[in-house]
N, C-alpha and C. Protein backbone atom coordinates (compact mmCIF):
# COMPACT_ATOMS: atom_id res chain seq x y z
N MET A 1 -152.61 -82.91 152.70
CA MET A 1 -151.37 -82.50 152.44
C MET A 1 -150.56 -82.98 151.39
N VAL A 2 -150.63 -82.19 150.26
CA VAL A 2 -149.84 -82.51 149.07
C VAL A 2 -148.58 -83.12 148.82
N LYS A 3 -148.15 -83.71 148.12
CA LYS A 3 -147.01 -84.08 148.36
C LYS A 3 -145.65 -83.38 148.36
N SER A 4 -145.73 -82.18 147.47
CA SER A 4 -144.76 -81.44 147.23
C SER A 4 -144.92 -80.25 148.57
N LYS A 5 -145.93 -80.19 149.58
CA LYS A 5 -145.88 -79.83 150.39
C LYS A 5 -145.04 -80.12 152.03
N ARG A 6 -145.15 -81.84 151.66
CA ARG A 6 -144.42 -82.35 152.90
C ARG A 6 -143.12 -82.73 152.80
N ILE A 7 -142.79 -82.97 151.23
CA ILE A 7 -141.30 -82.78 150.76
C ILE A 7 -140.41 -81.42 151.08
N GLU A 8 -141.14 -80.74 150.74
CA GLU A 8 -140.43 -79.49 151.05
C GLU A 8 -139.96 -78.85 152.20
N PRO A 9 -140.00 -79.30 153.33
CA PRO A 9 -139.30 -79.40 154.28
C PRO A 9 -137.81 -79.81 154.24
N ILE A 10 -138.08 -80.80 154.04
CA ILE A 10 -136.77 -81.69 153.91
C ILE A 10 -135.99 -81.43 152.85
N ALA A 11 -136.25 -80.53 151.76
CA ALA A 11 -135.60 -80.46 150.77
C ALA A 11 -134.79 -79.26 151.17
N ASP A 12 -135.65 -78.45 152.06
CA ASP A 12 -134.94 -77.06 152.24
C ASP A 12 -133.58 -77.18 153.52
N LEU A 13 -134.34 -78.98 154.40
CA LEU A 13 -132.91 -78.76 155.04
C LEU A 13 -131.63 -79.53 153.97
N ALA A 14 -132.28 -80.23 153.51
CA ALA A 14 -131.01 -80.55 152.45
C ALA A 14 -130.05 -79.50 151.60
N ARG A 15 -131.04 -78.49 151.29
CA ARG A 15 -130.46 -77.28 150.70
C ARG A 15 -129.40 -76.44 151.88
N ASN A 16 -130.10 -76.85 152.66
CA ASN A 16 -128.97 -75.82 154.52
C ASN A 16 -128.36 -76.37 154.05
N SER A 17 -127.73 -78.27 154.48
CA SER A 17 -126.76 -78.97 154.73
C SER A 17 -126.15 -78.79 153.51
N GLU A 18 -126.13 -78.74 152.29
CA GLU A 18 -125.23 -78.63 151.29
C GLU A 18 -124.88 -76.77 151.31
N ARG A 19 -125.54 -76.01 151.86
CA ARG A 19 -125.09 -74.80 151.87
C ARG A 19 -123.87 -74.76 153.39
N GLU A 20 -124.04 -75.83 153.96
CA GLU A 20 -123.37 -75.44 155.33
C GLU A 20 -121.52 -76.13 155.14
N ALA A 21 -121.80 -77.44 154.21
CA ALA A 21 -120.93 -77.99 153.40
C ALA A 21 -119.94 -77.37 152.92
N ALA A 22 -120.55 -76.31 151.80
CA ALA A 22 -120.16 -75.69 151.37
C ALA A 22 -119.30 -74.83 151.96
N LYS A 23 -119.74 -73.96 152.68
CA LYS A 23 -118.97 -73.62 153.59
C LYS A 23 -117.97 -73.76 154.11
N ALA A 24 -117.89 -74.51 155.17
CA ALA A 24 -116.78 -75.64 155.56
C ALA A 24 -116.08 -76.33 154.50
N LEU A 25 -116.30 -76.36 153.11
CA LEU A 25 -115.41 -76.54 152.14
C LEU A 25 -114.49 -75.32 151.66
N GLY A 26 -115.16 -74.38 151.96
CA GLY A 26 -114.38 -72.89 151.35
C GLY A 26 -113.34 -72.95 152.50
N GLN A 27 -113.73 -72.81 153.93
CA GLN A 27 -112.80 -72.33 155.10
C GLN A 27 -111.80 -73.66 155.16
N VAL A 28 -111.89 -74.80 154.80
CA VAL A 28 -110.41 -75.48 154.49
C VAL A 28 -109.75 -74.91 153.35
N LEU A 29 -110.32 -75.04 152.14
CA LEU A 29 -109.39 -74.65 151.01
C LEU A 29 -108.83 -73.21 151.37
N GLN A 30 -109.33 -72.03 151.87
CA GLN A 30 -108.40 -70.92 152.67
C GLN A 30 -107.76 -71.53 153.54
N GLN A 31 -107.66 -72.46 154.41
CA GLN A 31 -106.63 -73.25 155.24
C GLN A 31 -105.34 -73.74 154.47
N LEU A 32 -106.03 -74.53 153.73
CA LEU A 32 -104.67 -74.96 152.66
C LEU A 32 -103.80 -73.98 151.92
N ASP A 33 -104.57 -72.84 151.68
CA ASP A 33 -104.22 -71.86 151.06
C ASP A 33 -102.49 -70.82 151.68
N GLN A 34 -103.61 -71.11 152.96
CA GLN A 34 -102.44 -70.33 154.03
C GLN A 34 -101.28 -71.07 154.50
N GLN A 35 -101.68 -72.47 154.29
CA GLN A 35 -100.22 -73.47 154.68
C GLN A 35 -99.39 -73.50 153.46
N GLN A 36 -99.98 -73.20 152.29
CA GLN A 36 -99.17 -73.38 151.09
C GLN A 36 -98.28 -71.64 151.30
N ALA A 37 -98.79 -71.15 151.31
CA ALA A 37 -98.17 -70.01 151.56
C ALA A 37 -96.99 -69.65 152.57
N GLN A 38 -97.62 -70.26 153.80
CA GLN A 38 -96.43 -70.29 154.85
C GLN A 38 -95.35 -71.18 154.23
N LEU A 39 -95.67 -72.33 153.47
CA LEU A 39 -94.38 -73.23 152.89
C LEU A 39 -93.79 -72.79 151.97
N GLN A 40 -94.33 -72.01 151.38
CA GLN A 40 -93.05 -71.08 149.94
C GLN A 40 -92.29 -70.04 150.71
N LEU A 41 -92.80 -69.42 151.67
CA LEU A 41 -92.70 -68.55 152.63
C LEU A 41 -90.82 -69.14 153.25
N LEU A 42 -91.37 -70.15 154.20
CA LEU A 42 -90.21 -71.05 154.38
C LEU A 42 -88.73 -71.58 153.56
N PHE A 43 -89.58 -71.80 152.19
CA PHE A 43 -88.63 -72.27 151.10
C PHE A 43 -88.07 -71.02 150.57
N GLY A 44 -88.32 -69.82 150.76
CA GLY A 44 -88.12 -68.72 150.44
C GLY A 44 -86.60 -68.01 151.48
N TYR A 45 -86.60 -68.16 152.64
CA TYR A 45 -86.18 -68.03 153.34
C TYR A 45 -84.89 -69.07 153.53
N GLN A 46 -85.11 -70.03 153.60
CA GLN A 46 -84.36 -71.24 153.15
C GLN A 46 -82.81 -71.01 152.17
N ALA A 47 -83.43 -70.72 151.40
CA ALA A 47 -82.90 -70.18 149.75
C ALA A 47 -82.11 -68.65 150.08
N GLU A 48 -82.79 -68.03 151.01
CA GLU A 48 -82.19 -66.87 151.12
C GLU A 48 -80.61 -67.18 152.15
N TYR A 49 -80.99 -67.81 152.99
CA TYR A 49 -79.66 -68.01 154.04
C TYR A 49 -79.01 -69.00 153.41
N GLN A 50 -79.11 -69.99 152.53
CA GLN A 50 -78.61 -70.36 152.09
C GLN A 50 -77.71 -70.18 151.14
N ARG A 51 -78.09 -68.80 150.77
CA ARG A 51 -77.18 -67.81 149.37
C ARG A 51 -76.26 -67.31 150.42
N ARG A 52 -76.82 -66.56 151.59
CA ARG A 52 -76.01 -65.90 152.29
C ARG A 52 -75.12 -66.62 153.30
N LEU A 53 -74.93 -67.98 153.58
CA LEU A 53 -74.08 -69.18 153.94
C LEU A 53 -72.96 -69.13 152.74
N ASN A 54 -73.16 -69.50 151.48
CA ASN A 54 -72.91 -69.42 150.60
C ASN A 54 -71.63 -68.07 149.81
N ASP A 55 -72.28 -67.27 150.22
CA ASP A 55 -71.76 -65.79 149.94
C ASP A 55 -70.35 -65.90 151.02
N SER A 56 -70.58 -65.74 151.95
CA SER A 56 -70.09 -65.58 153.68
C SER A 56 -68.95 -66.52 153.52
N ALA A 57 -69.36 -67.87 152.89
CA ALA A 57 -68.53 -68.54 153.12
C ALA A 57 -67.14 -68.49 151.89
N SER A 58 -67.70 -67.60 150.83
CA SER A 58 -66.89 -67.97 149.84
C SER A 58 -65.25 -66.51 150.17
N GLN A 59 -65.94 -65.38 151.05
CA GLN A 59 -65.41 -64.52 151.29
C GLN A 59 -64.80 -64.91 152.73
N GLY A 60 -64.86 -66.56 153.36
CA GLY A 60 -64.03 -66.34 154.34
C GLY A 60 -64.73 -65.81 155.47
N MET A 61 -65.25 -67.17 156.32
CA MET A 61 -65.70 -66.92 157.69
C MET A 61 -65.47 -67.74 158.67
N ASN A 62 -65.50 -67.54 160.28
CA ASN A 62 -65.07 -67.91 161.20
C ASN A 62 -65.60 -69.29 161.31
N ALA A 63 -65.53 -70.54 161.78
CA ALA A 63 -65.94 -71.49 162.19
C ALA A 63 -67.47 -71.31 162.87
N GLN A 64 -67.39 -70.34 164.22
CA GLN A 64 -68.73 -70.24 164.45
C GLN A 64 -69.82 -69.93 163.55
N ALA A 65 -69.74 -68.44 163.07
CA ALA A 65 -70.74 -68.08 162.08
C ALA A 65 -70.93 -69.30 161.37
N LEU A 66 -70.13 -70.01 160.77
CA LEU A 66 -70.08 -71.32 159.64
C LEU A 66 -71.49 -72.33 160.52
N ASN A 67 -71.19 -72.51 161.43
CA ASN A 67 -72.03 -73.33 162.52
C ASN A 67 -73.37 -72.99 163.07
N GLU A 68 -73.33 -71.64 162.77
CA GLU A 68 -74.85 -71.42 163.42
C GLU A 68 -75.69 -70.68 162.04
N TYR A 69 -74.92 -70.70 160.74
CA TYR A 69 -75.81 -71.06 159.41
C TYR A 69 -76.02 -71.87 159.27
N ARG A 70 -75.59 -72.88 159.63
CA ARG A 70 -75.88 -74.09 158.93
C ARG A 70 -76.74 -74.55 159.86
N GLU A 71 -76.92 -74.13 161.23
CA GLU A 71 -77.99 -74.73 162.62
C GLU A 71 -78.92 -74.00 162.44
N PHE A 72 -78.86 -72.43 161.80
CA PHE A 72 -80.34 -72.31 161.15
C PHE A 72 -80.98 -73.14 160.26
N ILE A 73 -80.25 -73.10 159.03
CA ILE A 73 -80.88 -73.93 157.87
C ILE A 73 -81.41 -75.39 158.48
N ALA A 74 -80.47 -75.71 159.56
CA ALA A 74 -81.18 -77.12 159.80
C ALA A 74 -82.74 -76.97 160.39
N LYS A 75 -82.76 -75.68 160.98
CA LYS A 75 -83.73 -75.69 161.78
C LYS A 75 -84.99 -75.23 160.83
N LEU A 76 -84.45 -74.33 159.62
CA LEU A 76 -85.50 -73.79 158.81
C LEU A 76 -86.12 -75.25 157.80
N SER A 77 -85.12 -76.33 157.68
CA SER A 77 -85.31 -77.69 157.13
C SER A 77 -86.18 -78.21 158.02
N LEU A 78 -86.04 -78.23 159.32
CA LEU A 78 -87.13 -79.00 159.85
C LEU A 78 -88.69 -78.38 159.84
N ALA A 79 -88.19 -77.22 159.96
CA ALA A 79 -89.64 -75.98 159.55
C ALA A 79 -90.42 -76.32 158.57
N ILE A 80 -89.62 -76.76 157.38
CA ILE A 80 -90.35 -77.14 156.11
C ILE A 80 -90.78 -78.41 156.33
N GLU A 81 -90.13 -79.21 157.06
CA GLU A 81 -90.58 -80.69 156.67
C GLU A 81 -91.95 -80.99 157.86
N GLN A 82 -92.18 -79.92 158.44
CA GLN A 82 -93.18 -80.03 159.61
C GLN A 82 -94.21 -78.88 158.68
N GLN A 83 -93.90 -78.23 157.83
CA GLN A 83 -95.07 -77.22 157.21
C GLN A 83 -95.61 -78.37 155.64
N GLU A 84 -94.51 -79.23 155.28
CA GLU A 84 -95.07 -79.86 154.15
C GLU A 84 -96.36 -80.81 154.92
N GLN A 85 -96.33 -81.32 156.52
CA GLN A 85 -96.66 -82.39 156.70
C GLN A 85 -98.28 -82.25 157.22
N ALA A 86 -97.99 -80.16 157.53
CA ALA A 86 -99.47 -79.62 157.37
C ALA A 86 -100.15 -79.02 156.38
N VAL A 87 -99.35 -79.09 155.44
CA VAL A 87 -99.67 -78.58 153.74
C VAL A 87 -100.75 -80.45 153.32
N GLU A 88 -99.93 -81.49 153.91
CA GLU A 88 -100.24 -82.42 153.31
C GLU A 88 -101.80 -82.79 154.02
N GLN A 89 -101.56 -82.35 155.34
CA GLN A 89 -102.75 -82.59 156.06
C GLN A 89 -103.83 -81.93 155.45
N ALA A 90 -103.76 -80.38 155.40
CA ALA A 90 -105.18 -79.59 154.88
C ALA A 90 -105.58 -79.93 153.63
N ARG A 91 -104.65 -80.98 152.44
CA ARG A 91 -105.09 -81.54 151.26
C ARG A 91 -105.90 -83.04 151.60
N ARG A 92 -105.33 -83.26 152.99
CA ARG A 92 -106.69 -84.39 153.09
C ARG A 92 -108.07 -83.88 153.74
N GLU A 93 -108.03 -83.05 154.27
CA GLU A 93 -109.05 -82.49 154.97
C GLU A 93 -109.96 -81.80 153.82
N LEU A 94 -108.93 -81.10 153.07
CA LEU A 94 -109.78 -80.40 151.62
C LEU A 94 -111.05 -81.56 150.79
N ASP A 95 -109.87 -82.86 150.80
CA ASP A 95 -110.68 -84.08 149.88
C ASP A 95 -111.92 -84.42 150.70
N GLU A 96 -111.80 -84.88 152.00
CA GLU A 96 -112.84 -85.00 152.67
C GLU A 96 -113.80 -84.22 152.67
N LYS A 97 -113.84 -82.80 152.89
CA LYS A 97 -115.01 -82.08 152.81
C LYS A 97 -115.22 -81.88 151.23
N LYS A 98 -114.38 -82.10 150.35
CA LYS A 98 -115.41 -82.29 148.98
C LYS A 98 -116.32 -83.68 149.13
N ARG A 99 -115.73 -84.31 149.26
CA ARG A 99 -116.99 -85.72 149.24
C ARG A 99 -117.97 -85.47 149.80
N TYR A 100 -117.60 -84.61 151.56
CA TYR A 100 -119.19 -84.37 151.43
C TYR A 100 -120.05 -83.91 151.31
N TRP A 101 -119.77 -82.56 150.77
CA TRP A 101 -120.03 -81.76 150.18
C TRP A 101 -120.72 -82.18 148.27
N PHE A 102 -120.09 -82.80 147.69
CA PHE A 102 -120.80 -83.62 146.97
C PHE A 102 -121.84 -84.54 147.35
N ALA A 103 -121.70 -85.26 148.43
CA ALA A 103 -122.69 -86.15 149.00
C ALA A 103 -123.81 -85.48 149.53
N LYS A 104 -123.56 -84.07 150.28
CA LYS A 104 -124.49 -83.45 150.67
C LYS A 104 -125.46 -82.53 149.31
N ARG A 105 -124.35 -82.41 147.92
CA ARG A 105 -125.06 -81.40 146.85
C ARG A 105 -126.07 -82.78 146.15
N GLY A 106 -125.64 -84.11 146.29
CA GLY A 106 -126.13 -84.69 145.32
C GLY A 106 -127.88 -85.13 145.91
N ARG A 107 -127.70 -84.97 147.27
CA ARG A 107 -128.89 -85.34 148.35
C ARG A 107 -129.65 -83.93 147.64
N SER A 108 -129.14 -83.00 147.70
CA SER A 108 -130.02 -81.87 147.75
C SER A 108 -130.86 -81.78 146.23
N LYS A 109 -129.55 -81.61 145.24
CA LYS A 109 -130.24 -81.99 144.05
C LYS A 109 -131.63 -83.43 143.88
N ALA A 110 -131.14 -84.46 144.07
CA ALA A 110 -132.16 -85.09 144.36
C ALA A 110 -133.60 -85.01 144.82
N LEU A 111 -133.54 -84.33 145.90
CA LEU A 111 -134.80 -83.86 146.26
C LEU A 111 -135.47 -82.35 145.73
N ASP A 112 -134.68 -81.80 145.04
CA ASP A 112 -134.86 -80.97 144.72
C ASP A 112 -135.89 -81.44 143.17
N ALA A 113 -135.36 -82.64 142.54
CA ALA A 113 -135.85 -82.90 141.23
C ALA A 113 -137.29 -83.68 141.91
N VAL A 114 -136.98 -84.16 142.85
CA VAL A 114 -138.35 -84.98 143.25
C VAL A 114 -139.75 -83.97 143.50
N LEU A 115 -139.07 -82.82 144.16
CA LEU A 115 -140.45 -81.61 144.11
C LEU A 115 -140.47 -81.42 143.28
N ASP A 116 -139.77 -80.51 142.85
CA ASP A 116 -139.95 -80.59 140.90
C ASP A 116 -140.99 -81.40 140.23
N ARG A 117 -141.02 -82.53 140.96
CA ARG A 117 -141.63 -83.17 139.57
C ARG A 117 -143.22 -83.76 140.08
N TYR A 118 -143.02 -83.64 142.05
CA TYR A 118 -144.33 -83.26 142.46
C TYR A 118 -144.99 -82.01 142.45
N ILE A 119 -144.50 -80.96 142.27
CA ILE A 119 -145.39 -79.70 141.39
C ILE A 119 -145.43 -79.88 140.70
N LYS A 120 -145.02 -80.04 139.30
CA LYS A 120 -145.57 -80.42 138.03
C LYS A 120 -146.20 -81.19 137.85
N HIS A 121 -147.14 -82.80 138.61
CA HIS A 121 -147.88 -83.19 138.89
C HIS A 121 -148.97 -82.67 139.34
N GLU A 122 -148.65 -81.92 140.50
CA GLU A 122 -149.97 -81.28 140.95
C GLU A 122 -150.49 -79.84 140.38
N ARG A 123 -149.32 -79.22 139.58
CA ARG A 123 -150.10 -78.41 138.52
C ARG A 123 -150.91 -79.33 137.35
N GLN A 124 -150.03 -80.42 137.30
CA GLN A 124 -151.29 -80.84 135.73
C GLN A 124 -152.78 -81.36 136.05
N ALA A 125 -152.39 -81.83 137.12
CA ALA A 125 -153.64 -82.27 138.09
C ALA A 125 -154.98 -81.28 138.44
N LEU A 126 -154.00 -80.05 138.91
CA LEU A 126 -154.93 -79.06 138.60
C LEU A 126 -155.73 -78.70 137.76
N GLU A 127 -154.34 -78.71 136.48
CA GLU A 127 -155.00 -78.13 135.30
C GLU A 127 -156.44 -78.61 134.91
N LYS A 128 -155.98 -79.76 134.90
CA LYS A 128 -156.77 -81.08 134.29
C LYS A 128 -158.21 -80.70 135.17
N LYS A 129 -158.18 -80.47 136.15
CA LYS A 129 -159.33 -80.25 137.23
C LYS A 129 -160.35 -79.36 136.58
N GLU A 130 -159.73 -77.83 136.32
CA GLU A 130 -160.11 -76.85 136.00
C GLU A 130 -160.67 -76.94 134.61
N GLN A 131 -159.80 -77.37 133.86
CA GLN A 131 -160.59 -77.80 132.45
C GLN A 131 -161.90 -78.62 132.34
N ARG A 132 -161.90 -79.80 133.56
CA ARG A 132 -163.10 -80.46 133.73
C ARG A 132 -164.38 -79.82 133.92
N GLU A 133 -163.96 -78.93 134.99
CA GLU A 133 -165.34 -78.03 135.59
C GLU A 133 -165.20 -77.22 134.50
N HIS A 134 -164.78 -76.50 133.66
CA HIS A 134 -164.96 -75.63 132.69
C HIS A 134 -165.68 -76.18 131.35
N ASP A 135 -165.51 -77.67 131.18
CA ASP A 135 -165.83 -78.46 130.46
C ASP A 135 -167.29 -78.58 130.78
N ASP A 136 -167.50 -78.88 132.07
CA ASP A 136 -168.75 -79.11 132.85
C ASP A 136 -169.63 -77.76 132.83
N ARG A 137 -169.36 -76.97 132.80
CA ARG A 137 -170.05 -75.33 132.99
C ARG A 137 -170.61 -75.21 131.48
N ASN A 138 -169.41 -75.71 130.43
CA ASN A 138 -169.98 -75.19 129.48
C ASN A 138 -171.01 -76.07 128.97
N ASN A 139 -170.89 -77.43 129.39
CA ASN A 139 -172.00 -78.72 128.61
C ASN A 139 -173.04 -78.38 129.57
N ARG A 140 -172.83 -77.93 130.54
CA ARG A 140 -174.23 -77.60 131.64
C ARG A 140 -174.94 -75.83 130.65
N SER A 141 -174.35 -75.09 130.21
CA SER A 141 -174.69 -74.17 129.94
C SER A 141 -175.37 -74.49 128.67
N ASN A 142 -174.91 -75.35 127.86
CA ASN A 142 -175.27 -75.61 126.08
C ASN A 142 -176.79 -77.02 126.49
N SER A 143 -176.49 -77.22 127.21
CA SER A 143 -177.98 -78.12 127.74
C SER A 143 -179.41 -77.37 127.87
N GLU A 144 -178.86 -76.23 128.91
CA GLU A 144 -179.88 -75.54 128.75
C GLU A 144 -181.01 -74.69 128.37
């Protein structure tokens, strides 16, 4: 069996592995986008409730309503903190998936290069063999 046929299944496996790593990378990127969107939503809520508190406080409000606004804003701040941690975790996971994909991509490209080189050498060897056979036929017909 020629070298290219022996390495072809290995190169196919490497390409499949690279595709799977790219798919996982895409999923993690999508998760990061969702986490960031959720964080922005929480920031928007916080700003809106802070504005409402300021508007209501400037017009005068009772202590119970003031405390309720403050408690809710504090809960939003805690939710923002937790969401920032989720975003950071998603970023770390994205970095990890990128490194994994780059490694798989490098291996796949290297195996493809080796496969291409083997195929090129085999093609050249076949062309030389065909040329020799052609020359031999020509020499035999000329000598007859």
